[in-house]
Amino acid sequence: MKRLLAVHLRLVDVVLRLVRLNLLWWGWTLRGVVVAGAFPATAALAAVARRDAIDGVDDDRAGWRALRREFAAARHAEARQANALGWMLAGAVALLVVEERLVRALGGDAFSTFVGGMLWMLVVLVLAIGVTAWPLGAHFDERPLAIVRRSALLLAGRPVAALVHLAVFAGVLCAYYLAPGLIPVFGLAAPMWLATGALWGTGVLPRRVEAVVARADTEVVKA
């Protein structure tokens, strides 16, 4: 009975944290008028999820004020890098989609269909790199291109760990498809938080590399 109660309390804590993270993500995204706020807020979300996965959530980090300070500090620490990474990935996807549309519009034969299919496969690859890039960006203090390279190497060199990460992320999106009412409640926080925890659970990454959180901690101390 006590174990069941502990599981329920833990579930409540997780749900509450995801709701708070979703609110913070939306708050900072809107504060940056979306175009300048979404990617830094995503980087901050990844940083908090990474620290939760490695260290857990103790009493000092569980409260709303502590979480808000940590999120804001991570967002400020990674604003420029996050926008560079996010817009680079978004631009790559947009370019591939436009190329696919042009190939199909100007072609129509079997070769055009083949090229269009290959372009869509590249879109899926870039999206997979994008999903894995955010937790890696929170863990390694590197430039966006280096993070993209690390993400590609993870997909190629550690396919099982990468698939676990992507499967959890995709699983949450499937749950959103089946129950759209979950989207405004959990938003990006649930797939990012759960997938990041799954990635670190595989044990393929060094656990004590400090990147976003190290800089964020400095910002918290200054505040």
C-alpha atoms as a PDB file:
ATOM      1  CA  MET A   1       0.000   0.000   0.000  1.00  0.00           C
ATOM      2  CA  LYS A   2       2.816   2.411   0.891  1.00  0.00           C
ATOM      3  CA  ARG A   3       4.605   1.582  -2.335  1.00  0.00           C
ATOM      4  CA  LEU A   4       1.462   2.263  -4.359  1.00  0.00           C
ATOM      5  CA  LEU A   5       0.992   5.564  -2.573  1.00  0.00           C
ATOM      6  CA  ALA A   6       4.619   6.494  -3.274  1.00  0.00           C
ATOM      7  CA  VAL A   7       4.120   5.719  -6.972  1.00  0.00           C
ATOM      8  CA  HIS A   8       1.018   7.919  -7.076  1.00  0.00           C
ATOM      9  CA  LEU A   9       2.820  10.785  -5.340  1.00  0.00           C
ATOM     10  CA  ARG A  10       5.741  10.470  -7.722  1.00  0.00           C
ATOM     11  CA  LEU A  11       3.359  10.545 -10.682  1.00  0.00           C
ATOM     12  CA  VAL A  12       1.691  13.673  -9.317  1.00  0.00           C
ATOM     13  CA  ASP A  13       5.103  15.341  -8.913  1.00  0.00           C
ATOM     14  CA  VAL A  14       6.052  14.487 -12.503  1.00  0.00           C
ATOM     15  CA  VAL A  15       2.755  15.747 -13.901  1.00  0.00           C
ATOM     16  CA  LEU A  16       3.033  18.982 -11.917  1.00  0.00           C
ATOM     17  CA  ARG A  17       6.598  19.539 -13.091  1.00  0.00           C
ATOM     18  CA  LEU A  18       5.654  18.964 -16.736  1.00  0.00           C
ATOM     19  CA  VAL A  19       2.750  21.395 -16.462  1.00  0.00           C
ATOM     20  CA  ARG A  20       5.045  24.020 -14.935  1.00  0.00           C
ATOM     21  CA  LEU A  21       7.679  23.465 -17.612  1.00  0.00           C
ATOM     22  CA  ASN A  22       5.034  23.821 -20.301  1.00  0.00           C
ATOM     23  CA  LEU A  23       3.887  27.120 -18.800  1.00  0.00           C
ATOM     24  CA  LEU A  24       7.468  28.375 -18.648  1.00  0.00           C
ATOM     25  CA  TRP A  25       8.113  27.319 -22.234  1.00  0.00           C
ATOM     26  CA  TRP A  26       5.057  29.174 -23.462  1.00  0.00           C
ATOM     27  CA  GLY A  27       5.826  32.194 -21.308  1.00  0.00           C
ATOM     28  CA  TRP A  28       9.374  32.600 -22.631  1.00  0.00           C
ATOM     29  CA  THR A  29       8.321  31.764 -26.185  1.00  0.00           C
ATOM     30  CA  LEU A  30       5.692  34.494 -26.187  1.00  0.00           C
ATOM     31  CA  ARG A  31       8.066  36.846 -24.417  1.00  0.00           C
ATOM     32  CA  GLY A  32      10.380  36.460 -27.394  1.00  0.00           C
ATOM     33  CA  VAL A  33       7.461  36.986 -29.826  1.00  0.00           C
ATOM     34  CA  VAL A  34       7.760  33.306 -30.838  1.00  0.00           C
ATOM     35  CA  VAL A  35      10.379  33.781 -33.584  1.00  0.00           C
ATOM     36  CA  ALA A  36      13.070  34.871 -31.116  1.00  0.00           C
ATOM     37  CA  GLY A  37      11.739  33.001 -28.103  1.00  0.00           C
ATOM     38  CA  ALA A  38      10.765  29.464 -29.126  1.00  0.00           C
ATOM     39  CA  PHE A  39      14.247  28.026 -29.650  1.00  0.00           C
ATOM     40  CA  PRO A  40      15.870  29.518 -26.514  1.00  0.00           C
ATOM     41  CA  ALA A  41      12.871  28.298 -24.509  1.00  0.00           C
ATOM     42  CA  THR A  42      13.340  24.847 -26.032  1.00  0.00           C
ATOM     43  CA  ALA A  43      17.026  24.876 -25.079  1.00  0.00           C
ATOM     44  CA  ALA A  44      16.095  25.832 -21.522  1.00  0.00           C
ATOM     45  CA  LEU A  45      13.529  23.035 -21.432  1.00  0.00           C
ATOM     46  CA  ALA A  46      16.181  20.563 -22.593  1.00  0.00           C
ATOM     47  CA  ALA A  47      18.623  21.845 -19.961  1.00  0.00           C
ATOM     48  CA  VAL A  48      16.150  21.355 -17.116  1.00  0.00           C
ATOM     49  CA  ALA A  49      15.137  17.926 -18.436  1.00  0.00           C
ATOM     50  CA  ARG A  50      18.791  16.902 -18.650  1.00  0.00           C
ATOM     51  CA  ARG A  51      19.488  17.946 -15.062  1.00  0.00           C
ATOM     52  CA  ASP A  52      16.359  16.180 -13.855  1.00  0.00           C
ATOM     53  CA  ALA A  53      17.475  13.007 -15.623  1.00  0.00           C
ATOM     54  CA  ILE A  54      20.979  13.112 -14.136  1.00  0.00           C
ATOM     55  CA  ASP A  55      20.453  14.468 -10.623  1.00  0.00           C
ATOM     56  CA  GLY A  56      16.758  14.000  -9.980  1.00  0.00           C
ATOM     57  CA  VAL A  57      14.522  16.687  -8.517  1.00  0.00           C
ATOM     58  CA  ASP A  58      15.384  17.547  -4.929  1.00  0.00           C
ATOM     59  CA  ASP A  59      13.552  19.960  -2.669  1.00  0.00           C
ATOM     60  CA  ASP A  60      15.747  22.874  -3.701  1.00  0.00           C
ATOM     61  CA  ARG A  61      14.697  22.539  -7.342  1.00  0.00           C
ATOM     62  CA  ALA A  62      11.125  21.310  -6.979  1.00  0.00           C
ATOM     63  CA  GLY A  63       9.355  24.566  -6.207  1.00  0.00           C
ATOM     64  CA  TRP A  64       7.872  26.933  -8.754  1.00  0.00           C
ATOM     65  CA  ARG A  65      10.233  29.818  -7.974  1.00  0.00           C
ATOM     66  CA  ALA A  66      13.344  27.658  -8.133  1.00  0.00           C
ATOM     67  CA  LEU A  67      12.204  26.104 -11.406  1.00  0.00           C
ATOM     68  CA  ARG A  68      11.401  29.489 -12.882  1.00  0.00           C
ATOM     69  CA  ARG A  69      14.846  30.842 -11.942  1.00  0.00           C
ATOM     70  CA  GLU A  70      16.588  27.779 -13.349  1.00  0.00           C
ATOM     71  CA  PHE A  71      14.588  27.910 -16.574  1.00  0.00           C
ATOM     72  CA  ALA A  72      15.159  31.631 -17.048  1.00  0.00           C
ATOM     73  CA  ALA A  73      18.893  31.311 -16.388  1.00  0.00           C
ATOM     74  CA  ALA A  74      19.255  28.461 -18.877  1.00  0.00           C
ATOM     75  CA  ARG A  75      17.268  30.419 -21.442  1.00  0.00           C
ATOM     76  CA  HIS A  76      19.510  33.477 -21.087  1.00  0.00           C
ATOM     77  CA  ALA A  77      22.667  31.349 -21.208  1.00  0.00           C
ATOM     78  CA  GLU A  78      21.713  29.661 -24.478  1.00  0.00           C
ATOM     79  CA  ALA A  79      19.651  32.292 -26.319  1.00  0.00           C
ATOM     80  CA  ARG A  80      22.076  32.992 -29.158  1.00  0.00           C
ATOM     81  CA  GLN A  81      23.245  29.406 -29.659  1.00  0.00           C
ATOM     82  CA  ALA A  82      19.700  28.057 -29.480  1.00  0.00           C
ATOM     83  CA  ASN A  83      18.402  30.434 -32.134  1.00  0.00           C
ATOM     84  CA  ALA A  84      21.319  29.553 -34.406  1.00  0.00           C
ATOM     85  CA  LEU A  85      20.697  25.824 -33.953  1.00  0.00           C
ATOM     86  CA  GLY A  86      16.925  26.061 -34.279  1.00  0.00           C
ATOM     87  CA  TRP A  87      16.854  28.250 -37.359  1.00  0.00           C
ATOM     88  CA  MET A  88      19.556  26.179 -39.028  1.00  0.00           C
ATOM     89  CA  LEU A  89      17.513  23.000 -38.581  1.00  0.00           C
ATOM     90  CA  ALA A  90      14.256  24.716 -39.552  1.00  0.00           C
ATOM     91  CA  GLY A  91      15.900  26.169 -42.655  1.00  0.00           C
ATOM     92  CA  ALA A  92      17.222  22.761 -43.682  1.00  0.00           C
ATOM     93  CA  VAL A  93      13.766  21.190 -43.364  1.00  0.00           C
ATOM     94  CA  ALA A  94      12.122  24.055 -45.259  1.00  0.00           C
ATOM     95  CA  LEU A  95      14.692  23.863 -48.056  1.00  0.00           C
ATOM     96  CA  LEU A  96      14.231  20.102 -48.464  1.00  0.00           C
ATOM     97  CA  VAL A  97      10.424  20.412 -48.524  1.00  0.00           C
ATOM     98  CA  VAL A  98      10.584  23.169 -51.161  1.00  0.00           C
ATOM     99  CA  GLU A  99      12.986  21.080 -53.252  1.00  0.00           C
ATOM    100  CA  GLU A 100      10.638  18.094 -53.032  1.00  0.00           C
ATOM    101  CA  ARG A 101       7.684  20.197 -54.167  1.00  0.00           C
ATOM    102  CA  LEU A 102       9.662  21.586 -57.101  1.00  0.00           C
ATOM    103  CA  VAL A 103      10.827  18.127 -58.179  1.00  0.00           C
ATOM    104  CA  ARG A 104       7.285  16.784 -58.183  1.00  0.00           C
ATOM    105  CA  ALA A 105       5.883  19.879 -59.922  1.00  0.00           C
ATOM    106  CA  LEU A 106       8.500  19.915 -62.685  1.00  0.00           C
ATOM    107  CA  GLY A 107       8.779  16.162 -63.055  1.00  0.00           C
ATOM    108  CA  GLY A 108       6.100  13.509 -62.954  1.00  0.00           C
ATOM    109  CA  ASP A 109       8.102  10.529 -64.109  1.00  0.00           C
ATOM    110  CA  ALA A 110       9.525   7.645 -62.092  1.00  0.00           C
ATOM    111  CA  PHE A 111      12.854   9.408 -61.553  1.00  0.00           C
ATOM    112  CA  SER A 112      11.135  12.483 -60.078  1.00  0.00           C
ATOM    113  CA  THR A 113       9.141  10.242 -57.764  1.00  0.00           C
ATOM    114  CA  PHE A 114      12.352   8.547 -56.634  1.00  0.00           C
ATOM    115  CA  VAL A 115      14.117  11.862 -56.005  1.00  0.00           C
ATOM    116  CA  GLY A 116      11.070  13.159 -54.134  1.00  0.00           C
ATOM    117  CA  GLY A 117      11.083  10.074 -51.925  1.00  0.00           C
ATOM    118  CA  MET A 118      14.779  10.533 -51.176  1.00  0.00           C
ATOM    119  CA  LEU A 119      14.166  14.157 -50.239  1.00  0.00           C
ATOM    120  CA  TRP A 120      11.423  13.119 -47.812  1.00  0.00           C
ATOM    121  CA  MET A 121      13.816  10.622 -46.254  1.00  0.00           C
ATOM    122  CA  LEU A 122      16.278  13.478 -45.769  1.00  0.00           C
ATOM    123  CA  VAL A 123      13.508  15.521 -44.115  1.00  0.00           C
ATOM    124  CA  VAL A 124      12.891  12.690 -41.660  1.00  0.00           C
ATOM    125  CA  LEU A 125      16.636  12.444 -40.995  1.00  0.00           C
ATOM    126  CA  VAL A 126      16.927  16.172 -40.302  1.00  0.00           C
ATOM    127  CA  LEU A 127      13.931  15.993 -37.968  1.00  0.00           C
ATOM    128  CA  ALA A 128      15.546  13.073 -36.119  1.00  0.00           C
ATOM    129  CA  ILE A 129      18.781  15.051 -35.825  1.00  0.00           C
ATOM    130  CA  GLY A 130      16.771  18.003 -34.533  1.00  0.00           C
ATOM    131  CA  VAL A 131      15.053  15.946 -31.840  1.00  0.00           C
ATOM    132  CA  THR A 132      18.359  14.582 -30.536  1.00  0.00           C
ATOM    133  CA  ALA A 133      20.235  17.871 -30.939  1.00  0.00           C
ATOM    134  CA  TRP A 134      18.499  19.692 -28.075  1.00  0.00           C
ATOM    135  CA  PRO A 135      19.479  17.356 -25.210  1.00  0.00           C
ATOM    136  CA  LEU A 136      22.989  17.090 -26.672  1.00  0.00           C
ATOM    137  CA  GLY A 137      23.170  20.867 -26.884  1.00  0.00           C
ATOM    138  CA  ALA A 138      22.251  21.049 -23.201  1.00  0.00           C
ATOM    139  CA  HIS A 139      25.016  18.593 -22.326  1.00  0.00           C
ATOM    140  CA  PHE A 140      27.941  19.713 -24.472  1.00  0.00           C
ATOM    141  CA  ASP A 141      29.268  23.272 -24.606  1.00  0.00           C
ATOM    142  CA  GLU A 142      29.748  23.378 -28.379  1.00  0.00           C
ATOM    143  CA  ARG A 143      28.652  25.396 -31.381  1.00  0.00           C
ATOM    144  CA  PRO A 144      25.470  24.467 -33.310  1.00  0.00           C
ATOM    145  CA  LEU A 145      27.282  22.735 -36.161  1.00  0.00           C
ATOM    146  CA  ALA A 146      29.222  20.599 -33.695  1.00  0.00           C
ATOM    147  CA  ILE A 147      25.964  19.675 -31.936  1.00  0.00           C
ATOM    148  CA  VAL A 148      24.396  18.685 -35.256  1.00  0.00           C
ATOM    149  CA  ARG A 149      27.445  16.549 -35.989  1.00  0.00           C
ATOM    150  CA  ARG A 150      27.188  14.898 -32.568  1.00  0.00           C
ATOM    151  CA  SER A 151      23.512  14.199 -33.183  1.00  0.00           C
ATOM    152  CA  ALA A 152      24.265  12.601 -36.549  1.00  0.00           C
ATOM    153  CA  LEU A 153      27.032  10.506 -34.967  1.00  0.00           C
ATOM    154  CA  LEU A 154      24.647   9.388 -32.231  1.00  0.00           C
ATOM    155  CA  LEU A 155      22.125   8.247 -34.830  1.00  0.00           C
ATOM    156  CA  ALA A 156      24.791   6.401 -36.805  1.00  0.00           C
ATOM    157  CA  GLY A 157      27.017   5.103 -34.016  1.00  0.00           C
ATOM    158  CA  ARG A 158      24.504   4.422 -31.237  1.00  0.00           C
ATOM    159  CA  PRO A 159      21.321   3.554 -33.141  1.00  0.00           C
ATOM    160  CA  VAL A 160      19.682   1.696 -30.234  1.00  0.00           C
ATOM    161  CA  ALA A 161      20.043   4.628 -27.834  1.00  0.00           C
ATOM    162  CA  ALA A 162      18.947   7.063 -30.538  1.00  0.00           C
ATOM    163  CA  LEU A 163      15.913   4.926 -31.386  1.00  0.00           C
ATOM    164  CA  VAL A 164      14.932   4.724 -27.708  1.00  0.00           C
ATOM    165  CA  HIS A 165      15.090   8.505 -27.498  1.00  0.00           C
ATOM    166  CA  LEU A 166      13.148   9.020 -30.732  1.00  0.00           C
ATOM    167  CA  ALA A 167      10.596   6.309 -29.900  1.00  0.00           C
ATOM    168  CA  VAL A 168       9.718   7.935 -26.577  1.00  0.00           C
ATOM    169  CA  PHE A 169       9.423  11.331 -28.246  1.00  0.00           C
ATOM    170  CA  ALA A 170       7.252   9.905 -31.032  1.00  0.00           C
ATOM    171  CA  GLY A 171       5.191   7.927 -28.526  1.00  0.00           C
ATOM    172  CA  VAL A 172       4.202  11.095 -26.691  1.00  0.00           C
ATOM    173  CA  LEU A 173       3.263  12.719 -29.999  1.00  0.00           C
ATOM    174  CA  CYS A 174       1.084   9.694 -30.780  1.00  0.00           C
ATOM    175  CA  ALA A 175      -0.602  10.114 -27.401  1.00  0.00           C
ATOM    176  CA  TYR A 176      -1.247  13.742 -28.324  1.00  0.00           C
ATOM    177  CA  TYR A 177      -2.819  12.594 -31.593  1.00  0.00           C
ATOM    178  CA  LEU A 178      -5.126  10.211 -29.734  1.00  0.00           C
ATOM    179  CA  ALA A 179      -5.894  12.710 -26.958  1.00  0.00           C
ATOM    180  CA  PRO A 180      -5.426  16.277 -28.292  1.00  0.00           C
ATOM    181  CA  GLY A 181      -6.540  17.686 -24.964  1.00  0.00           C
ATOM    182  CA  LEU A 182      -3.129  16.776 -23.567  1.00  0.00           C
ATOM    183  CA  ILE A 183      -1.358  19.228 -25.884  1.00  0.00           C
ATOM    184  CA  PRO A 184      -2.236  22.481 -24.079  1.00  0.00           C
ATOM    185  CA  VAL A 185      -1.529  20.831 -20.718  1.00  0.00           C
ATOM    186  CA  PHE A 186       1.901  19.340 -21.424  1.00  0.00           C
ATOM    187  CA  GLY A 187       2.972  20.789 -24.797  1.00  0.00           C
ATOM    188  CA  LEU A 188       6.601  20.239 -25.728  1.00  0.00           C
ATOM    189  CA  ALA A 189       7.555  19.630 -22.091  1.00  0.00           C
ATOM    190  CA  ALA A 190       6.332  16.022 -21.951  1.00  0.00           C
ATOM    191  CA  PRO A 191       8.086  14.637 -25.058  1.00  0.00           C
ATOM    192  CA  MET A 192      11.294  16.542 -24.310  1.00  0.00           C
ATOM    193  CA  TRP A 193      11.412  15.597 -20.612  1.00  0.00           C
ATOM    194  CA  LEU A 194      10.513  11.925 -21.092  1.00  0.00           C
ATOM    195  CA  ALA A 195      12.706  11.412 -24.165  1.00  0.00           C
ATOM    196  CA  THR A 196      15.677  13.092 -22.482  1.00  0.00           C
ATOM    197  CA  GLY A 197      15.267  10.851 -19.457  1.00  0.00           C
ATOM    198  CA  ALA A 198      15.138   7.824 -21.742  1.00  0.00           C
ATOM    199  CA  LEU A 199      18.288   8.925 -23.577  1.00  0.00           C
ATOM    200  CA  TRP A 200      20.295   9.294 -20.384  1.00  0.00           C
ATOM    201  CA  GLY A 201      18.867   6.042 -19.120  1.00  0.00           C
ATOM    202  CA  THR A 202      20.660   4.244 -21.952  1.00  0.00           C
ATOM    203  CA  GLY A 203      24.012   5.231 -20.437  1.00  0.00           C
ATOM    204  CA  VAL A 204      25.663   6.136 -23.758  1.00  0.00           C
ATOM    205  CA  LEU A 205      26.548   9.700 -22.746  1.00  0.00           C
ATOM    206  CA  PRO A 206      28.963  10.960 -20.075  1.00  0.00           C
ATOM    207  CA  ARG A 207      26.965  12.037 -17.080  1.00  0.00           C
ATOM    208  CA  ARG A 208      29.121  14.782 -15.644  1.00  0.00           C
ATOM    209  CA  VAL A 209      29.686  17.099 -18.596  1.00  0.00           C
ATOM    210  CA  GLU A 210      28.350  20.521 -17.639  1.00  0.00           C
ATOM    211  CA  ALA A 211      27.131  22.891 -20.344  1.00  0.00           C
ATOM    212  CA  VAL A 212      23.887  24.848 -20.206  1.00  0.00           C
ATOM    213  CA  VAL A 213      23.255  24.056 -16.547  1.00  0.00           C
ATOM    214  CA  ALA A 214      26.723  25.192 -15.517  1.00  0.00           C
ATOM    215  CA  ARG A 215      26.179  28.580 -17.127  1.00  0.00           C
ATOM    216  CA  ALA A 216      22.624  28.668 -15.837  1.00  0.00           C
ATOM    217  CA  ASP A 217      23.803  28.067 -12.278  1.00  0.00           C
ATOM    218  CA  THR A 218      26.107  31.071 -12.633  1.00  0.00           C
ATOM    219  CA  GLU A 219      23.168  33.189 -13.758  1.00  0.00           C
ATOM    220  CA  VAL A 220      21.086  31.996 -10.782  1.00  0.00           C
ATOM    221  CA  VAL A 221      23.867  32.955  -8.349  1.00  0.00           C
ATOM    222  CA  LYS A 222      24.141  36.400  -9.923  1.00  0.00           C
ATOM    223  CA  ALA A 223      20.366  36.861  -9.674  1.00  0.00           C
END
